[in-house]
Amino acid sequence: MPAPPATVPPAADPGGQQQPPATQGLLLPASAPTHLEVPAIGVSSDLLDLGLQPDDTVEVPPLAKDSQAGWFRYSPTPGEVGPAVLLGHVDSAEYGPGIFFDLGALRAGDQITVTRADGTAAVFQVDRVASYPKDSFPTLEVYGNTDRAELRLITCGGAFDSSTRNYLDNIVVYASLVSSHPA
């Protein structure tokens, strides 16, 4: 899955100066995510730590037989104010279906649980699922500041261009923190 074709906006840039809006709802202190569970689509994955590629696009997990999702470390940790961003592959010619193969099948109300290094589990509820052409990816909508703890799950989708061997769209799941409990 090529990275979403946009650079990281100032809101998610560790050196950015943009101020977050006033906060609402449940929030958790910073703690790196370690594991992802999405029961509605059978996802269970330890999380990789992802950064930026040399061209300032978001790094994606390596293609592998046992596909894993990863957390974009320049986004908030799950449960902090703002959109925590997790990325994973939809599939590959070599290895078949990826960890986020069925991501587009999620529906509003589905639950997502992210286990964190501090021993808490942050529970998110899907608000919506959207598909965007990669050439008009809404960077600020996906990565920009929010006034509550949110989660984004991102993968490739849409039509597959066999000449470039890439999907033309990105699938983005938008979810909001609804609870937490000991992991």
C-alpha atoms as a PDB file:
ATOM      1  CA  MET A   1       0.000   0.000   0.000  1.00  0.00           C
ATOM      2  CA  PRO A   2       1.661   3.238  -1.006  1.00  0.00           C
ATOM      3  CA  ALA A   3       1.391   5.928   1.613  1.00  0.00           C
ATOM      4  CA  PRO A   4      -1.468   8.377   1.341  1.00  0.00           C
ATOM      5  CA  PRO A   5      -0.124  10.912  -1.173  1.00  0.00           C
ATOM      6  CA  ALA A   6       0.048  13.874   1.120  1.00  0.00           C
ATOM      7  CA  THR A   7       2.583  15.371   3.433  1.00  0.00           C
ATOM      8  CA  VAL A   8       1.847  15.593   7.111  1.00  0.00           C
ATOM      9  CA  PRO A   9      -0.076  18.773   7.931  1.00  0.00           C
ATOM     10  CA  PRO A  10       1.176  21.213  10.559  1.00  0.00           C
ATOM     11  CA  ALA A  11      -1.370  19.838  13.052  1.00  0.00           C
ATOM     12  CA  ALA A  12       0.386  16.466  13.074  1.00  0.00           C
ATOM     13  CA  ASP A  13       3.913  17.772  12.533  1.00  0.00           C
ATOM     14  CA  PRO A  14       5.903  17.486  15.763  1.00  0.00           C
ATOM     15  CA  GLY A  15       7.417  20.913  15.050  1.00  0.00           C
ATOM     16  CA  GLY A  16       4.122  22.523  13.986  1.00  0.00           C
ATOM     17  CA  GLN A  17       2.726  25.533  15.795  1.00  0.00           C
ATOM     18  CA  GLN A  18      -1.006  24.982  15.199  1.00  0.00           C
ATOM     19  CA  GLN A  19      -2.969  25.016  18.468  1.00  0.00           C
ATOM     20  CA  PRO A  20      -5.515  22.252  19.120  1.00  0.00           C
ATOM     21  CA  PRO A  21      -9.148  23.212  19.714  1.00  0.00           C
ATOM     22  CA  ALA A  22     -10.767  23.005  23.166  1.00  0.00           C
ATOM     23  CA  THR A  23     -11.257  19.376  24.156  1.00  0.00           C
ATOM     24  CA  GLN A  24     -14.435  17.367  24.611  1.00  0.00           C
ATOM     25  CA  GLY A  25     -15.229  13.898  25.941  1.00  0.00           C
ATOM     26  CA  LEU A  26     -13.141  11.148  27.460  1.00  0.00           C
ATOM     27  CA  LEU A  27      -9.361  11.529  27.163  1.00  0.00           C
ATOM     28  CA  LEU A  28      -6.460   9.313  28.201  1.00  0.00           C
ATOM     29  CA  PRO A  29      -2.849  10.257  28.946  1.00  0.00           C
ATOM     30  CA  ALA A  30      -0.222   9.557  26.297  1.00  0.00           C
ATOM     31  CA  SER A  31       0.743   5.896  25.970  1.00  0.00           C
ATOM     32  CA  ALA A  32       2.006   4.161  22.854  1.00  0.00           C
ATOM     33  CA  PRO A  33      -0.382   1.664  21.253  1.00  0.00           C
ATOM     34  CA  THR A  34       0.715  -1.964  21.215  1.00  0.00           C
ATOM     35  CA  HIS A  35      -2.181  -4.001  19.808  1.00  0.00           C
ATOM     36  CA  LEU A  36      -5.295  -3.542  17.656  1.00  0.00           C
ATOM     37  CA  GLU A  37      -8.534  -5.563  17.735  1.00  0.00           C
ATOM     38  CA  VAL A  38     -11.387  -5.040  15.263  1.00  0.00           C
ATOM     39  CA  PRO A  39     -13.794  -7.932  15.939  1.00  0.00           C
ATOM     40  CA  ALA A  40     -16.291  -7.056  13.177  1.00  0.00           C
ATOM     41  CA  ILE A  41     -13.674  -7.860  10.518  1.00  0.00           C
ATOM     42  CA  GLY A  42     -11.525 -10.366  12.413  1.00  0.00           C
ATOM     43  CA  VAL A  43      -8.493  -8.101  12.857  1.00  0.00           C
ATOM     44  CA  SER A  44      -5.975  -8.750  15.621  1.00  0.00           C
ATOM     45  CA  SER A  45      -2.541  -7.197  15.179  1.00  0.00           C
ATOM     46  CA  ASP A  46       0.414  -6.114  17.212  1.00  0.00           C
ATOM     47  CA  LEU A  47       1.296  -2.595  16.105  1.00  0.00           C
ATOM     48  CA  LEU A  48       4.467  -1.432  14.412  1.00  0.00           C
ATOM     49  CA  ASP A  49       5.933   2.036  14.982  1.00  0.00           C
ATOM     50  CA  LEU A  50       5.744   4.092  11.760  1.00  0.00           C
ATOM     51  CA  GLY A  51       7.241   7.469  10.901  1.00  0.00           C
ATOM     52  CA  LEU A  52       7.822   9.459   7.732  1.00  0.00           C
ATOM     53  CA  GLN A  53       9.398   8.410   4.461  1.00  0.00           C
ATOM     54  CA  PRO A  54      12.158  10.587   2.934  1.00  0.00           C
ATOM     55  CA  ASP A  55       9.543  12.388   0.784  1.00  0.00           C
ATOM     56  CA  ASP A  56       7.563  13.324   3.951  1.00  0.00           C
ATOM     57  CA  THR A  57       4.711  10.933   3.224  1.00  0.00           C
ATOM     58  CA  VAL A  58       3.535   8.578   5.924  1.00  0.00           C
ATOM     59  CA  GLU A  59       5.536   5.369   6.275  1.00  0.00           C
ATOM     60  CA  VAL A  60       3.512   2.182   5.806  1.00  0.00           C
ATOM     61  CA  PRO A  61       4.120  -1.271   7.277  1.00  0.00           C
ATOM     62  CA  PRO A  62       6.381  -3.566   5.254  1.00  0.00           C
ATOM     63  CA  LEU A  63       4.686  -6.113   3.019  1.00  0.00           C
ATOM     64  CA  ALA A  64       4.927  -9.503   4.684  1.00  0.00           C
ATOM     65  CA  LYS A  65       3.156 -12.840   4.889  1.00  0.00           C
ATOM     66  CA  ASP A  66       1.852 -11.986   8.352  1.00  0.00           C
ATOM     67  CA  SER A  67       0.672  -8.458   7.670  1.00  0.00           C
ATOM     68  CA  GLN A  68       0.645  -6.093  10.654  1.00  0.00           C
ATOM     69  CA  ALA A  69      -0.870  -2.686  11.192  1.00  0.00           C
ATOM     70  CA  GLY A  70       1.212   0.221  12.416  1.00  0.00           C
ATOM     71  CA  TRP A  71       0.779   3.431  14.400  1.00  0.00           C
ATOM     72  CA  PHE A  72       1.948   6.706  12.860  1.00  0.00           C
ATOM     73  CA  ARG A  73       4.099   8.021  15.723  1.00  0.00           C
ATOM     74  CA  TYR A  74       3.623  11.674  14.741  1.00  0.00           C
ATOM     75  CA  SER A  75      -0.083  11.360  15.467  1.00  0.00           C
ATOM     76  CA  PRO A  76      -1.518  11.373  19.002  1.00  0.00           C
ATOM     77  CA  THR A  77      -1.524   8.113  20.916  1.00  0.00           C
ATOM     78  CA  PRO A  78      -4.960   6.445  20.957  1.00  0.00           C
ATOM     79  CA  GLY A  79      -7.030   8.145  23.642  1.00  0.00           C
ATOM     80  CA  GLU A  80      -5.258  11.504  23.502  1.00  0.00           C
ATOM     81  CA  VAL A  81      -7.021  14.463  21.935  1.00  0.00           C
ATOM     82  CA  GLY A  82      -6.701  14.341  18.145  1.00  0.00           C
ATOM     83  CA  PRO A  83      -6.681  11.617  15.519  1.00  0.00           C
ATOM     84  CA  ALA A  84      -4.453   8.631  16.299  1.00  0.00           C
ATOM     85  CA  VAL A  85      -3.556   7.111  12.918  1.00  0.00           C
ATOM     86  CA  LEU A  86      -3.141   3.384  12.237  1.00  0.00           C
ATOM     87  CA  LEU A  87      -2.205   2.069   8.792  1.00  0.00           C
ATOM     88  CA  GLY A  88      -2.231  -1.376   7.214  1.00  0.00           C
ATOM     89  CA  HIS A  89      -2.195  -3.110   3.853  1.00  0.00           C
ATOM     90  CA  VAL A  90      -5.310  -4.232   2.027  1.00  0.00           C
ATOM     91  CA  ASP A  91      -3.456  -6.986   0.139  1.00  0.00           C
ATOM     92  CA  SER A  92      -0.453  -7.794  -2.001  1.00  0.00           C
ATOM     93  CA  ALA A  93       0.107  -9.920  -5.076  1.00  0.00           C
ATOM     94  CA  GLU A  94       2.747 -11.931  -3.241  1.00  0.00           C
ATOM     95  CA  TYR A  95       1.016 -12.508   0.106  1.00  0.00           C
ATOM     96  CA  GLY A  96      -2.721 -12.165  -0.579  1.00  0.00           C
ATOM     97  CA  PRO A  97      -5.130 -10.399   1.801  1.00  0.00           C
ATOM     98  CA  GLY A  98      -3.556  -7.932   4.225  1.00  0.00           C
ATOM     99  CA  ILE A  99      -4.485  -7.014   7.782  1.00  0.00           C
ATOM    100  CA  PHE A 100      -6.969  -4.357   6.571  1.00  0.00           C
ATOM    101  CA  PHE A 101      -8.429  -6.405   3.696  1.00  0.00           C
ATOM    102  CA  ASP A 102     -12.001  -5.971   4.985  1.00  0.00           C
ATOM    103  CA  LEU A 103     -11.604  -2.450   6.400  1.00  0.00           C
ATOM    104  CA  GLY A 104     -14.214  -1.019   4.025  1.00  0.00           C
ATOM    105  CA  ALA A 105     -16.812  -3.423   5.467  1.00  0.00           C
ATOM    106  CA  LEU A 106     -16.836  -1.657   8.843  1.00  0.00           C
ATOM    107  CA  ARG A 107     -20.029   0.206   9.691  1.00  0.00           C
ATOM    108  CA  ALA A 108     -20.988   2.981  12.082  1.00  0.00           C
ATOM    109  CA  GLY A 109     -21.237   1.546  15.581  1.00  0.00           C
ATOM    110  CA  ASP A 110     -18.598  -1.185  15.146  1.00  0.00           C
ATOM    111  CA  GLN A 111     -16.057  -1.337  17.984  1.00  0.00           C
ATOM    112  CA  ILE A 112     -12.270  -1.012  17.738  1.00  0.00           C
ATOM    113  CA  THR A 113     -10.007  -1.679  20.723  1.00  0.00           C
ATOM    114  CA  VAL A 114      -6.436  -0.443  20.961  1.00  0.00           C
ATOM    115  CA  THR A 115      -4.304  -1.833  23.778  1.00  0.00           C
ATOM    116  CA  ARG A 116      -1.756   0.656  25.062  1.00  0.00           C
ATOM    117  CA  ALA A 117       1.669   0.293  26.708  1.00  0.00           C
ATOM    118  CA  ASP A 118       0.280   1.570  30.029  1.00  0.00           C
ATOM    119  CA  GLY A 119      -2.017  -1.464  30.306  1.00  0.00           C
ATOM    120  CA  THR A 120      -5.228   0.282  29.304  1.00  0.00           C
ATOM    121  CA  ALA A 121      -7.467  -0.577  26.392  1.00  0.00           C
ATOM    122  CA  ALA A 122      -8.974   2.367  24.514  1.00  0.00           C
ATOM    123  CA  VAL A 123     -12.328   1.473  22.964  1.00  0.00           C
ATOM    124  CA  PHE A 124     -13.418   3.392  19.884  1.00  0.00           C
ATOM    125  CA  GLN A 125     -16.686   3.314  17.984  1.00  0.00           C
ATOM    126  CA  VAL A 126     -16.767   3.710  14.211  1.00  0.00           C
ATOM    127  CA  ASP A 127     -18.428   6.967  13.161  1.00  0.00           C
ATOM    128  CA  ARG A 128     -18.079   6.511   9.410  1.00  0.00           C
ATOM    129  CA  VAL A 129     -16.041   4.955   6.621  1.00  0.00           C
ATOM    130  CA  ALA A 130     -14.954   6.972   3.586  1.00  0.00           C
ATOM    131  CA  SER A 131     -13.101   6.348   0.339  1.00  0.00           C
ATOM    132  CA  TYR A 132     -10.938   9.048  -1.242  1.00  0.00           C
ATOM    133  CA  PRO A 133      -9.036   9.168  -4.530  1.00  0.00           C
ATOM    134  CA  LYS A 134      -5.337   9.279  -3.690  1.00  0.00           C
ATOM    135  CA  ASP A 135      -4.873  12.310  -5.920  1.00  0.00           C
ATOM    136  CA  SER A 136      -7.317  14.310  -3.765  1.00  0.00           C
ATOM    137  CA  PHE A 137      -6.677  12.812  -0.325  1.00  0.00           C
ATOM    138  CA  PRO A 138      -8.110  15.151   2.390  1.00  0.00           C
ATOM    139  CA  THR A 139      -4.960  15.452   4.487  1.00  0.00           C
ATOM    140  CA  LEU A 140      -6.284  17.951   7.038  1.00  0.00           C
ATOM    141  CA  GLU A 141      -9.558  16.077   7.515  1.00  0.00           C
ATOM    142  CA  VAL A 142      -7.700  12.842   8.219  1.00  0.00           C
ATOM    143  CA  TYR A 143      -4.606  14.055  10.111  1.00  0.00           C
ATOM    144  CA  GLY A 144      -5.650  17.490  11.392  1.00  0.00           C
ATOM    145  CA  ASN A 145      -6.494  18.473  14.956  1.00  0.00           C
ATOM    146  CA  THR A 146      -9.816  17.490  16.494  1.00  0.00           C
ATOM    147  CA  ASP A 147     -11.455  18.465  19.781  1.00  0.00           C
ATOM    148  CA  ARG A 148     -11.705  14.897  21.110  1.00  0.00           C
ATOM    149  CA  ALA A 149      -9.903  11.554  21.062  1.00  0.00           C
ATOM    150  CA  GLU A 150     -10.368   9.984  17.649  1.00  0.00           C
ATOM    151  CA  LEU A 151      -8.904   7.151  15.618  1.00  0.00           C
ATOM    152  CA  ARG A 152      -8.219   6.756  11.910  1.00  0.00           C
ATOM    153  CA  LEU A 153      -7.613   3.404  10.228  1.00  0.00           C
ATOM    154  CA  ILE A 154      -6.223   3.775   6.701  1.00  0.00           C
ATOM    155  CA  THR A 155      -5.614   1.358   3.847  1.00  0.00           C
ATOM    156  CA  CYS A 156      -5.714   1.275   0.064  1.00  0.00           C
ATOM    157  CA  GLY A 157      -8.887   0.536  -1.856  1.00  0.00           C
ATOM    158  CA  GLY A 158     -10.959   1.281  -4.902  1.00  0.00           C
ATOM    159  CA  ALA A 159      -9.878   0.234  -8.367  1.00  0.00           C
ATOM    160  CA  PHE A 160      -6.488  -1.411  -8.868  1.00  0.00           C
ATOM    161  CA  ASP A 161      -4.283   0.051 -11.606  1.00  0.00           C
ATOM    162  CA  SER A 162      -2.397  -2.949 -12.981  1.00  0.00           C
ATOM    163  CA  SER A 163       0.045  -0.737 -14.894  1.00  0.00           C
ATOM    164  CA  THR A 164       1.271   1.024 -11.729  1.00  0.00           C
ATOM    165  CA  ARG A 165       0.387  -1.896  -9.424  1.00  0.00           C
ATOM    166  CA  ASN A 166      -1.362   0.470  -7.014  1.00  0.00           C
ATOM    167  CA  TYR A 167      -4.868   1.057  -5.765  1.00  0.00           C
ATOM    168  CA  LEU A 168      -6.321   4.404  -6.800  1.00  0.00           C
ATOM    169  CA  ASP A 169      -8.081   5.215  -3.517  1.00  0.00           C
ATOM    170  CA  ASN A 170      -7.582   5.163   0.232  1.00  0.00           C
ATOM    171  CA  ILE A 171     -10.194   3.815   2.637  1.00  0.00           C
ATOM    172  CA  VAL A 172     -10.376   5.765   5.912  1.00  0.00           C
ATOM    173  CA  VAL A 173     -12.284   4.675   9.008  1.00  0.00           C
ATOM    174  CA  TYR A 174     -13.185   7.493  11.404  1.00  0.00           C
ATOM    175  CA  ALA A 175     -13.835   6.458  15.019  1.00  0.00           C
ATOM    176  CA  SER A 176     -14.283   8.171  18.394  1.00  0.00           C
ATOM    177  CA  LEU A 177     -13.181   7.111  21.867  1.00  0.00           C
ATOM    178  CA  VAL A 178     -16.157   5.809  23.857  1.00  0.00           C
ATOM    179  CA  SER A 179     -14.552   4.066  26.847  1.00  0.00           C
ATOM    180  CA  SER A 180     -11.428   2.560  28.345  1.00  0.00           C
ATOM    181  CA  HIS A 181     -10.685  -0.332  30.683  1.00  0.00           C
ATOM    182  CA  PRO A 182      -7.715  -2.324  31.964  1.00  0.00           C
ATOM    183  CA  ALA A 183      -6.283  -4.482  29.184  1.00  0.00           C
END
